[in-house]
Amino acid sequence: MKLSIIIPCYNEIDGLPHLMRRLTAMHDAGQMAGWEVLFVNDGSKDGTREALNAIVKEHAWMRVVHHPSNKGLGAAVRTGFANA
C-alpha cells in the first residue's frame, strides 16, 4: 500500500527549494518508505509548473497534476484525492 502526500501549490516557486530539501532529506533517511508525493499545481503563473515538471522527472516517488487555471484550494485537494 502506498501513502500519498498531497501538496496543493499555487505560485510557490520561492518555497519549493526549501520544501524539496526537507522532502528529499526525509526520503533519503528512509522515513518515507512506500510514500509518494503528489503535487497539485493549481494554475500557477510564476514558474511553479515548470519547476514541478523538472522535480518529478528527477524523483520517481513524486508526481504532479496541473490545473490549467486557478480553481482554489478545495478543488486542488479534491484533484489530489482523485489522483492518489
N, C-alpha and C. Protein backbone atom coordinates (compact mmCIF):
# COMPACT_ATOMS: atom_id res chain seq x y z
N MET A 1 0.84 -1.18 0.00
CA MET A 1 0.00 0.00 0.00
C MET A 1 0.88 1.24 0.00
N LYS A 2 0.47 2.24 -0.74
CA LYS A 2 1.23 3.47 -0.84
C LYS A 2 0.48 4.59 -0.14
N LEU A 3 1.20 5.41 0.59
CA LEU A 3 0.65 6.59 1.22
C LEU A 3 0.94 7.76 0.31
N SER A 4 -0.07 8.54 -0.02
CA SER A 4 0.11 9.72 -0.86
C SER A 4 0.04 10.98 -0.03
N ILE A 5 1.04 11.81 -0.15
CA ILE A 5 1.05 13.13 0.48
C ILE A 5 0.64 14.11 -0.62
N ILE A 6 -0.47 14.78 -0.44
CA ILE A 6 -0.97 15.72 -1.44
C ILE A 6 -0.52 17.12 -1.05
N ILE A 7 0.14 17.79 -1.99
CA ILE A 7 0.64 19.14 -1.73
C ILE A 7 0.06 20.07 -2.79
N PRO A 8 -0.99 20.82 -2.43
CA PRO A 8 -1.53 21.81 -3.36
C PRO A 8 -0.53 22.97 -3.50
N CYS A 9 -0.36 23.46 -4.70
CA CYS A 9 0.59 24.54 -4.96
C CYS A 9 -0.04 25.62 -5.83
N TYR A 10 0.13 26.86 -5.42
CA TYR A 10 -0.27 27.99 -6.25
C TYR A 10 0.79 29.07 -6.07
N ASN A 11 1.53 29.34 -7.14
CA ASN A 11 2.59 30.35 -7.13
C ASN A 11 3.56 30.14 -5.96
N GLU A 12 4.13 28.94 -5.92
CA GLU A 12 5.02 28.54 -4.81
C GLU A 12 6.49 28.44 -5.23
N ILE A 13 6.87 29.10 -6.30
CA ILE A 13 8.24 28.96 -6.82
C ILE A 13 9.29 29.28 -5.74
N ASP A 14 9.03 30.26 -4.90
CA ASP A 14 10.02 30.63 -3.88
C ASP A 14 10.13 29.61 -2.75
N GLY A 15 9.05 28.89 -2.45
CA GLY A 15 9.06 27.93 -1.36
C GLY A 15 9.49 26.53 -1.77
N LEU A 16 9.49 26.22 -3.06
CA LEU A 16 9.81 24.86 -3.50
C LEU A 16 11.21 24.38 -3.12
N PRO A 17 12.25 25.22 -3.24
CA PRO A 17 13.59 24.71 -2.87
C PRO A 17 13.66 24.23 -1.41
N HIS A 18 13.09 24.98 -0.49
CA HIS A 18 13.10 24.58 0.92
C HIS A 18 12.30 23.29 1.11
N LEU A 19 11.11 23.23 0.53
CA LEU A 19 10.29 22.03 0.64
C LEU A 19 11.02 20.82 0.07
N MET A 20 11.67 20.98 -1.06
CA MET A 20 12.39 19.86 -1.69
C MET A 20 13.55 19.39 -0.81
N ARG A 21 14.26 20.29 -0.20
CA ARG A 21 15.35 19.89 0.71
C ARG A 21 14.80 19.03 1.85
N ARG A 22 13.69 19.44 2.41
CA ARG A 22 13.11 18.69 3.54
C ARG A 22 12.57 17.34 3.09
N LEU A 23 11.83 17.31 1.98
CA LEU A 23 11.28 16.04 1.50
C LEU A 23 12.38 15.07 1.09
N THR A 24 13.38 15.57 0.40
CA THR A 24 14.48 14.72 -0.04
C THR A 24 15.26 14.18 1.14
N ALA A 25 15.48 14.99 2.16
CA ALA A 25 16.19 14.53 3.36
C ALA A 25 15.40 13.41 4.04
N MET A 26 14.10 13.59 4.16
CA MET A 26 13.27 12.55 4.77
C MET A 26 13.30 11.27 3.94
N HIS A 27 13.18 11.41 2.64
CA HIS A 27 13.19 10.25 1.76
C HIS A 27 14.53 9.51 1.84
N ASP A 28 15.62 10.26 1.78
CA ASP A 28 16.95 9.66 1.81
C ASP A 28 17.25 8.99 3.15
N ALA A 29 16.61 9.46 4.22
CA ALA A 29 16.80 8.86 5.54
C ALA A 29 15.90 7.64 5.75
N GLY A 30 15.11 7.29 4.73
CA GLY A 30 14.25 6.12 4.83
C GLY A 30 12.95 6.37 5.58
N GLN A 31 12.62 7.63 5.80
CA GLN A 31 11.42 7.96 6.57
C GLN A 31 10.16 7.98 5.73
N MET A 32 10.27 7.75 4.43
CA MET A 32 9.11 7.84 3.55
C MET A 32 8.94 6.56 2.72
N ALA A 33 9.34 5.43 3.26
CA ALA A 33 9.23 4.17 2.52
C ALA A 33 7.76 3.90 2.20
N GLY A 34 7.48 3.65 0.93
CA GLY A 34 6.12 3.38 0.49
C GLY A 34 5.26 4.62 0.33
N TRP A 35 5.87 5.80 0.40
CA TRP A 35 5.12 7.04 0.26
C TRP A 35 5.35 7.62 -1.13
N GLU A 36 4.40 8.40 -1.58
CA GLU A 36 4.58 9.22 -2.77
C GLU A 36 4.16 10.64 -2.43
N VAL A 37 4.74 11.58 -3.14
CA VAL A 37 4.34 12.97 -3.01
C VAL A 37 3.61 13.34 -4.29
N LEU A 38 2.40 13.86 -4.14
CA LEU A 38 1.59 14.27 -5.28
C LEU A 38 1.35 15.77 -5.19
N PHE A 39 2.01 16.51 -6.06
CA PHE A 39 1.81 17.95 -6.14
C PHE A 39 0.60 18.22 -7.03
N VAL A 40 -0.24 19.15 -6.62
CA VAL A 40 -1.32 19.61 -7.47
C VAL A 40 -1.07 21.09 -7.73
N ASN A 41 -0.61 21.40 -8.93
CA ASN A 41 -0.36 22.78 -9.31
C ASN A 41 -1.69 23.41 -9.72
N ASP A 42 -2.12 24.39 -8.97
CA ASP A 42 -3.45 24.98 -9.17
C ASP A 42 -3.38 26.23 -10.05
N GLY A 43 -2.85 26.06 -11.26
CA GLY A 43 -2.83 27.16 -12.22
C GLY A 43 -1.81 28.24 -11.93
N SER A 44 -0.68 27.88 -11.34
CA SER A 44 0.36 28.86 -11.01
C SER A 44 0.83 29.61 -12.25
N LYS A 45 1.22 30.87 -12.04
CA LYS A 45 1.70 31.71 -13.13
C LYS A 45 3.13 32.20 -12.91
N ASP A 46 3.82 31.64 -11.93
CA ASP A 46 5.14 32.16 -11.55
C ASP A 46 6.30 31.22 -11.84
N GLY A 47 6.08 30.18 -12.63
CA GLY A 47 7.14 29.21 -12.90
C GLY A 47 7.03 27.94 -12.08
N THR A 48 6.04 27.86 -11.19
CA THR A 48 5.84 26.67 -10.38
C THR A 48 5.61 25.45 -11.26
N ARG A 49 4.80 25.60 -12.31
CA ARG A 49 4.50 24.49 -13.22
C ARG A 49 5.79 23.88 -13.78
N GLU A 50 6.64 24.71 -14.32
CA GLU A 50 7.88 24.24 -14.92
C GLU A 50 8.81 23.63 -13.88
N ALA A 51 8.87 24.25 -12.70
CA ALA A 51 9.72 23.73 -11.63
C ALA A 51 9.24 22.35 -11.19
N LEU A 52 7.94 22.19 -11.02
CA LEU A 52 7.41 20.89 -10.60
C LEU A 52 7.63 19.82 -11.66
N ASN A 53 7.48 20.19 -12.93
CA ASN A 53 7.76 19.23 -14.00
C ASN A 53 9.20 18.74 -13.94
N ALA A 54 10.13 19.65 -13.67
CA ALA A 54 11.54 19.27 -13.56
C ALA A 54 11.78 18.41 -12.33
N ILE A 55 11.14 18.74 -11.23
CA ILE A 55 11.32 17.98 -9.98
C ILE A 55 10.86 16.55 -10.15
N VAL A 56 9.68 16.34 -10.71
CA VAL A 56 9.15 14.98 -10.80
C VAL A 56 9.92 14.12 -11.80
N LYS A 57 10.61 14.76 -12.74
CA LYS A 57 11.47 14.00 -13.66
C LYS A 57 12.66 13.39 -12.93
N GLU A 58 13.08 14.05 -11.84
CA GLU A 58 14.25 13.62 -11.08
C GLU A 58 13.91 12.65 -9.95
N HIS A 59 12.65 12.59 -9.55
CA HIS A 59 12.26 11.80 -8.38
C HIS A 59 11.07 10.91 -8.73
N ALA A 60 11.31 9.62 -8.85
CA ALA A 60 10.26 8.67 -9.24
C ALA A 60 9.15 8.57 -8.19
N TRP A 61 9.40 8.99 -6.98
CA TRP A 61 8.43 8.92 -5.90
C TRP A 61 7.57 10.18 -5.80
N MET A 62 7.67 11.03 -6.81
CA MET A 62 6.88 12.26 -6.86
C MET A 62 6.12 12.32 -8.17
N ARG A 63 4.91 12.88 -8.10
CA ARG A 63 4.10 13.10 -9.30
C ARG A 63 3.50 14.50 -9.22
N VAL A 64 3.03 14.98 -10.38
CA VAL A 64 2.37 16.29 -10.41
C VAL A 64 1.16 16.21 -11.33
N VAL A 65 0.11 16.89 -10.92
CA VAL A 65 -1.09 17.10 -11.72
C VAL A 65 -1.28 18.61 -11.82
N HIS A 66 -1.63 19.08 -13.00
CA HIS A 66 -1.78 20.52 -13.22
C HIS A 66 -3.22 20.90 -13.50
N HIS A 67 -3.70 21.95 -12.85
CA HIS A 67 -4.94 22.60 -13.25
C HIS A 67 -4.56 23.67 -14.27
N PRO A 68 -5.33 23.82 -15.35
CA PRO A 68 -4.99 24.84 -16.35
C PRO A 68 -5.20 26.27 -15.83
N SER A 69 -6.05 26.43 -14.83
CA SER A 69 -6.27 27.74 -14.21
C SER A 69 -6.51 27.52 -12.72
N ASN A 70 -6.44 28.60 -11.96
CA ASN A 70 -6.63 28.51 -10.52
C ASN A 70 -8.08 28.18 -10.20
N LYS A 71 -8.27 27.10 -9.45
CA LYS A 71 -9.61 26.64 -9.08
C LYS A 71 -9.83 26.70 -7.57
N GLY A 72 -8.80 27.03 -6.83
CA GLY A 72 -8.93 27.14 -5.38
C GLY A 72 -8.42 25.90 -4.65
N LEU A 73 -8.19 26.09 -3.36
CA LEU A 73 -7.61 25.04 -2.54
C LEU A 73 -8.49 23.79 -2.49
N GLY A 74 -9.78 23.96 -2.32
CA GLY A 74 -10.68 22.80 -2.24
C GLY A 74 -10.60 21.95 -3.49
N ALA A 75 -10.62 22.59 -4.64
CA ALA A 75 -10.53 21.86 -5.90
C ALA A 75 -9.18 21.16 -6.03
N ALA A 76 -8.11 21.81 -5.59
CA ALA A 76 -6.78 21.19 -5.65
C ALA A 76 -6.72 19.95 -4.77
N VAL A 77 -7.30 20.03 -3.58
CA VAL A 77 -7.31 18.88 -2.68
C VAL A 77 -8.15 17.75 -3.29
N ARG A 78 -9.31 18.07 -3.86
CA ARG A 78 -10.13 17.05 -4.50
C ARG A 78 -9.40 16.39 -5.67
N THR A 79 -8.67 17.20 -6.45
CA THR A 79 -7.88 16.63 -7.54
C THR A 79 -6.81 15.71 -6.98
N GLY A 80 -6.21 16.09 -5.88
CA GLY A 80 -5.23 15.22 -5.24
C GLY A 80 -5.82 13.91 -4.81
N PHE A 81 -6.98 13.96 -4.16
CA PHE A 81 -7.66 12.71 -3.75
C PHE A 81 -7.98 11.84 -4.95
N ALA A 82 -8.45 12.44 -6.03
CA ALA A 82 -8.84 11.68 -7.22
C ALA A 82 -7.64 11.03 -7.89
N ASN A 83 -6.45 11.59 -7.69
CA ASN A 83 -5.26 11.07 -8.36
C ASN A 83 -4.33 10.29 -7.44
N ALA A 84 -4.69 10.20 -6.16
CA ALA A 84 -3.84 9.48 -5.20
C ALA A 84 -3.97 7.97 -5.40
